[in-house]
Amino acid sequence: MLTVDTVGEFVVECPSTEVRVNVNQLDLADSRRGRFHIEAPESVRWTADIQAPD
């Protein structure tokens, strides 16, 4: 489960035996801040790439 504070929760299927790429885009209002939290079994490895406008 991926939780983005003040935005929502997203369920991303992540079997530990496969490599998957998921792309999500959130258009947030200017000056809005947030943190994200990931809950997954220990057998799942996550990486995240976050892009913010200049």
PDB file of N, CA and C in Angstrom:
ATOM      1  N   MET A   1       0.851  -1.164   0.000  1.00  0.00           N
ATOM      2  CA  MET A   1       0.000   0.000   0.000  1.00  0.00           C
ATOM      3  C   MET A   1       0.897   1.228   0.000  1.00  0.00           C
ATOM      4  N   LEU A   2       0.577   2.179  -0.824  1.00  0.00           N
ATOM      5  CA  LEU A   2       1.289   3.450  -0.900  1.00  0.00           C
ATOM      6  C   LEU A   2       0.340   4.523  -0.397  1.00  0.00           C
ATOM      7  N   THR A   3       0.737   5.243   0.619  1.00  0.00           N
ATOM      8  CA  THR A   3      -0.072   6.308   1.182  1.00  0.00           C
ATOM      9  C   THR A   3       0.638   7.627   0.969  1.00  0.00           C
ATOM     10  N   VAL A   4      -0.062   8.595   0.379  1.00  0.00           N
ATOM     11  CA  VAL A   4       0.471   9.944   0.219  1.00  0.00           C
ATOM     12  C   VAL A   4      -0.351  10.837   1.144  1.00  0.00           C
ATOM     13  N   ASP A   5       0.316  11.404   2.162  1.00  0.00           N
ATOM     14  CA  ASP A   5      -0.392  12.241   3.134  1.00  0.00           C
ATOM     15  C   ASP A   5      -1.179  13.327   2.428  1.00  0.00           C
ATOM     16  N   THR A   6      -2.361  13.595   2.896  1.00  0.00           N
ATOM     17  CA  THR A   6      -3.296  14.620   2.412  1.00  0.00           C
ATOM     18  C   THR A   6      -3.821  14.352   1.006  1.00  0.00           C
ATOM     19  N   VAL A   7      -3.432  13.241   0.376  1.00  0.00           N
ATOM     20  CA  VAL A   7      -3.892  12.960  -0.985  1.00  0.00           C
ATOM     21  C   VAL A   7      -4.726  11.689  -1.034  1.00  0.00           C
ATOM     22  N   GLY A   8      -4.194  10.574  -0.537  1.00  0.00           N
ATOM     23  CA  GLY A   8      -4.947   9.335  -0.579  1.00  0.00           C
ATOM     24  C   GLY A   8      -4.078   8.116  -0.462  1.00  0.00           C
ATOM     25  N   GLU A   9      -4.694   6.970  -0.660  1.00  0.00           N
ATOM     26  CA  GLU A   9      -4.003   5.687  -0.586  1.00  0.00           C
ATOM     27  C   GLU A   9      -4.182   4.959  -1.916  1.00  0.00           C
ATOM     28  N   PHE A  10      -3.140   4.245  -2.307  1.00  0.00           N
ATOM     29  CA  PHE A  10      -3.164   3.489  -3.545  1.00  0.00           C
ATOM     30  C   PHE A  10      -2.690   2.083  -3.255  1.00  0.00           C
ATOM     31  N   VAL A  11      -3.387   1.108  -3.772  1.00  0.00           N
ATOM     32  CA  VAL A  11      -2.953  -0.271  -3.641  1.00  0.00           C
ATOM     33  C   VAL A  11      -2.208  -0.634  -4.917  1.00  0.00           C
ATOM     34  N   VAL A  12      -0.975  -1.079  -4.757  1.00  0.00           N
ATOM     35  CA  VAL A  12      -0.144  -1.484  -5.878  1.00  0.00           C
ATOM     36  C   VAL A  12       0.225  -2.939  -5.660  1.00  0.00           C
ATOM     37  N   GLU A  13      -0.201  -3.794  -6.555  1.00  0.00           N
ATOM     38  CA  GLU A  13       0.125  -5.211  -6.417  1.00  0.00           C
ATOM     39  C   GLU A  13       1.623  -5.379  -6.623  1.00  0.00           C
ATOM     40  N   CYS A  14       2.285  -6.075  -5.708  1.00  0.00           N
ATOM     41  CA  CYS A  14       3.737  -6.223  -5.805  1.00  0.00           C
ATOM     42  C   CYS A  14       4.166  -7.613  -5.350  1.00  0.00           C
ATOM     43  N   PRO A  15       3.963  -8.607  -6.210  1.00  0.00           N
ATOM     44  CA  PRO A  15       4.408  -9.950  -5.853  1.00  0.00           C
ATOM     45  C   PRO A  15       5.931  -9.988  -5.736  1.00  0.00           C
ATOM     46  N   SER A  16       6.434 -10.699  -4.772  1.00  0.00           N
ATOM     47  CA  SER A  16       7.877 -10.726  -4.518  1.00  0.00           C
ATOM     48  C   SER A  16       8.649 -11.530  -5.551  1.00  0.00           C
ATOM     49  N   THR A  17       7.953 -12.211  -6.440  1.00  0.00           N
ATOM     50  CA  THR A  17       8.638 -13.048  -7.433  1.00  0.00           C
ATOM     51  C   THR A  17       8.754 -12.376  -8.793  1.00  0.00           C
ATOM     52  N   GLU A  18       8.277 -11.142  -8.940  1.00  0.00           N
ATOM     53  CA  GLU A  18       8.279 -10.457 -10.232  1.00  0.00           C
ATOM     54  C   GLU A  18       8.831  -9.047 -10.093  1.00  0.00           C
ATOM     55  N   VAL A  19       9.318  -8.535 -11.213  1.00  0.00           N
ATOM     56  CA  VAL A  19       9.698  -7.127 -11.274  1.00  0.00           C
ATOM     57  C   VAL A  19       8.568  -6.403 -11.994  1.00  0.00           C
ATOM     58  N   ARG A  20       8.068  -5.329 -11.399  1.00  0.00           N
ATOM     59  CA  ARG A  20       6.987  -4.563 -12.014  1.00  0.00           C
ATOM     60  C   ARG A  20       7.318  -3.087 -11.954  1.00  0.00           C
ATOM     61  N   VAL A  21       6.846  -2.369 -12.948  1.00  0.00           N
ATOM     62  CA  VAL A  21       6.985  -0.919 -12.974  1.00  0.00           C
ATOM     63  C   VAL A  21       5.587  -0.329 -12.965  1.00  0.00           C
ATOM     64  N   ASN A  22       5.324   0.555 -12.016  1.00  0.00           N
ATOM     65  CA  ASN A  22       4.043   1.252 -11.928  1.00  0.00           C
ATOM     66  C   ASN A  22       4.314   2.744 -11.999  1.00  0.00           C
ATOM     67  N   VAL A  23       3.499   3.436 -12.752  1.00  0.00           N
ATOM     68  CA  VAL A  23       3.663   4.882 -12.878  1.00  0.00           C
ATOM     69  C   VAL A  23       2.380   5.546 -12.396  1.00  0.00           C
ATOM     70  N   ASN A  24       2.531   6.491 -11.487  1.00  0.00           N
ATOM     71  CA  ASN A  24       1.403   7.271 -10.990  1.00  0.00           C
ATOM     72  C   ASN A  24       1.787   8.735 -11.037  1.00  0.00           C
ATOM     73  N   GLN A  25       0.840   9.566 -11.383  1.00  0.00           N
ATOM     74  CA  GLN A  25       1.091  11.001 -11.407  1.00  0.00           C
ATOM     75  C   GLN A  25       0.052  11.682 -10.543  1.00  0.00           C
ATOM     76  N   LEU A  26       0.518  12.565  -9.671  1.00  0.00           N
ATOM     77  CA  LEU A  26      -0.362  13.351  -8.819  1.00  0.00           C
ATOM     78  C   LEU A  26      -0.109  14.816  -9.119  1.00  0.00           C
ATOM     79  N   ASP A  27      -1.117  15.526  -9.541  1.00  0.00           N
ATOM     80  CA  ASP A  27      -0.991  16.955  -9.780  1.00  0.00           C
ATOM     81  C   ASP A  27      -1.455  17.681  -8.523  1.00  0.00           C
ATOM     82  N   LEU A  28      -0.495  18.190  -7.774  1.00  0.00           N
ATOM     83  CA  LEU A  28      -0.803  18.858  -6.513  1.00  0.00           C
ATOM     84  C   LEU A  28      -0.778  20.359  -6.702  1.00  0.00           C
ATOM     85  N   ALA A  29      -1.519  21.064  -5.890  1.00  0.00           N
ATOM     86  CA  ALA A  29      -1.531  22.524  -5.934  1.00  0.00           C
ATOM     87  C   ALA A  29      -0.146  23.061  -5.575  1.00  0.00           C
ATOM     88  N   ASP A  30       0.181  24.240  -6.058  1.00  0.00           N
ATOM     89  CA  ASP A  30       1.459  24.876  -5.731  1.00  0.00           C
ATOM     90  C   ASP A  30       1.630  24.988  -4.224  1.00  0.00           C
ATOM     91  N   SER A  31       2.840  24.848  -3.790  1.00  0.00           N
ATOM     92  CA  SER A  31       3.218  24.983  -2.371  1.00  0.00           C
ATOM     93  C   SER A  31       2.627  23.904  -1.476  1.00  0.00           C
ATOM     94  N   ARG A  32       2.104  22.853  -2.033  1.00  0.00           N
ATOM     95  CA  ARG A  32       1.536  21.785  -1.216  1.00  0.00           C
ATOM     96  C   ARG A  32       2.631  20.791  -0.889  1.00  0.00           C
ATOM     97  N   ARG A  33       2.683  20.377   0.337  1.00  0.00           N
ATOM     98  CA  ARG A  33       3.692  19.418   0.781  1.00  0.00           C
ATOM     99  C   ARG A  33       3.028  18.096   1.097  1.00  0.00           C
ATOM    100  N   GLY A  34       3.823  17.061   1.063  1.00  0.00           N
ATOM    101  CA  GLY A  34       3.289  15.755   1.416  1.00  0.00           C
ATOM    102  C   GLY A  34       4.414  14.767   1.629  1.00  0.00           C
ATOM    103  N   ARG A  35       4.121  13.726   2.319  1.00  0.00           N
ATOM    104  CA  ARG A  35       5.055  12.616   2.534  1.00  0.00           C
ATOM    105  C   ARG A  35       4.372  11.361   2.039  1.00  0.00           C
ATOM    106  N   PHE A  36       5.169  10.408   1.629  1.00  0.00           N
ATOM    107  CA  PHE A  36       4.565   9.145   1.247  1.00  0.00           C
ATOM    108  C   PHE A  36       5.146   8.026   2.087  1.00  0.00           C
ATOM    109  N   HIS A  37       4.324   7.027   2.307  1.00  0.00           N
ATOM    110  CA  HIS A  37       4.675   5.873   3.132  1.00  0.00           C
ATOM    111  C   HIS A  37       4.363   4.618   2.324  1.00  0.00           C
ATOM    112  N   ILE A  38       5.231   3.637   2.436  1.00  0.00           N
ATOM    113  CA  ILE A  38       5.033   2.378   1.727  1.00  0.00           C
ATOM    114  C   ILE A  38       4.968   1.253   2.751  1.00  0.00           C
ATOM    115  N   GLU A  39       3.943   0.425   2.624  1.00  0.00           N
ATOM    116  CA  GLU A  39       3.821  -0.770   3.457  1.00  0.00           C
ATOM    117  C   GLU A  39       3.906  -1.974   2.528  1.00  0.00           C
ATOM    118  N   ALA A  40       4.869  -2.842   2.789  1.00  0.00           N
ATOM    119  CA  ALA A  40       5.042  -4.034   1.957  1.00  0.00           C
ATOM    120  C   ALA A  40       5.746  -5.110   2.780  1.00  0.00           C
ATOM    121  N   PRO A  41       5.575  -6.363   2.390  1.00  0.00           N
ATOM    122  CA  PRO A  41       6.297  -7.434   3.073  1.00  0.00           C
ATOM    123  C   PRO A  41       7.809  -7.243   2.904  1.00  0.00           C
ATOM    124  N   GLU A  42       8.590  -7.823   3.789  1.00  0.00           N
ATOM    125  CA  GLU A  42      10.046  -7.696   3.715  1.00  0.00           C
ATOM    126  C   GLU A  42      10.620  -8.240   2.414  1.00  0.00           C
ATOM    127  N   SER A  43       9.921  -9.157   1.774  1.00  0.00           N
ATOM    128  CA  SER A  43      10.420  -9.758   0.544  1.00  0.00           C
ATOM    129  C   SER A  43      10.269  -8.842  -0.672  1.00  0.00           C
ATOM    130  N   VAL A  44       9.569  -7.720  -0.510  1.00  0.00           N
ATOM    131  CA  VAL A  44       9.351  -6.782  -1.612  1.00  0.00           C
ATOM    132  C   VAL A  44      10.329  -5.623  -1.491  1.00  0.00           C
ATOM    133  N   ARG A  45      11.005  -5.299  -2.592  1.00  0.00           N
ATOM    134  CA  ARG A  45      11.946  -4.180  -2.613  1.00  0.00           C
ATOM    135  C   ARG A  45      11.362  -3.061  -3.462  1.00  0.00           C
ATOM    136  N   TRP A  46      11.327  -1.850  -2.903  1.00  0.00           N
ATOM    137  CA  TRP A  46      10.729  -0.691  -3.566  1.00  0.00           C
ATOM    138  C   TRP A  46      11.795   0.338  -3.908  1.00  0.00           C
ATOM    139  N   THR A  47      11.582   1.017  -5.000  1.00  0.00           N
ATOM    140  CA  THR A  47      12.334   2.232  -5.307  1.00  0.00           C
ATOM    141  C   THR A  47      11.311   3.263  -5.776  1.00  0.00           C
ATOM    142  N   ALA A  48      11.625   4.529  -5.561  1.00  0.00           N
ATOM    143  CA  ALA A  48      10.705   5.595  -5.970  1.00  0.00           C
ATOM    144  C   ALA A  48      11.487   6.719  -6.630  1.00  0.00           C
ATOM    145  N   ASP A  49      10.886   7.298  -7.638  1.00  0.00           N
ATOM    146  CA  ASP A  49      11.453   8.459  -8.328  1.00  0.00           C
ATOM    147  C   ASP A  49      10.402   9.563  -8.235  1.00  0.00           C
ATOM    148  N   ILE A  50      10.765  10.646  -7.571  1.00  0.00           N
ATOM    149  CA  ILE A  50       9.821  11.746  -7.362  1.00  0.00           C
ATOM    150  C   ILE A  50      10.321  12.950  -8.131  1.00  0.00           C
ATOM    151  N   GLN A  51       9.457  13.502  -8.959  1.00  0.00           N
ATOM    152  CA  GLN A  51       9.802  14.683  -9.731  1.00  0.00           C
ATOM    153  C   GLN A  51       8.923  15.837  -9.300  1.00  0.00           C
ATOM    154  N   ALA A  52       9.524  16.975  -9.065  1.00  0.00           N
ATOM    155  CA  ALA A  52       8.781  18.167  -8.665  1.00  0.00           C
ATOM    156  C   ALA A  52       9.143  19.299  -9.620  1.00  0.00           C
ATOM    157  N   PRO A  53       8.160  20.132  -9.959  1.00  0.00           N
ATOM    158  CA  PRO A  53       8.454  21.252 -10.860  1.00  0.00           C
ATOM    159  C   PRO A  53       9.405  22.244 -10.197  1.00  0.00           C
ATOM    160  N   ASP A  54      10.124  22.967 -11.028  1.00  0.00           N
ATOM    161  CA  ASP A  54      11.063  23.985 -10.504  1.00  0.00           C
ATOM    162  C   ASP A  54      10.324  25.110  -9.817  1.00  0.00           C
TER     163      ASP A  54
END
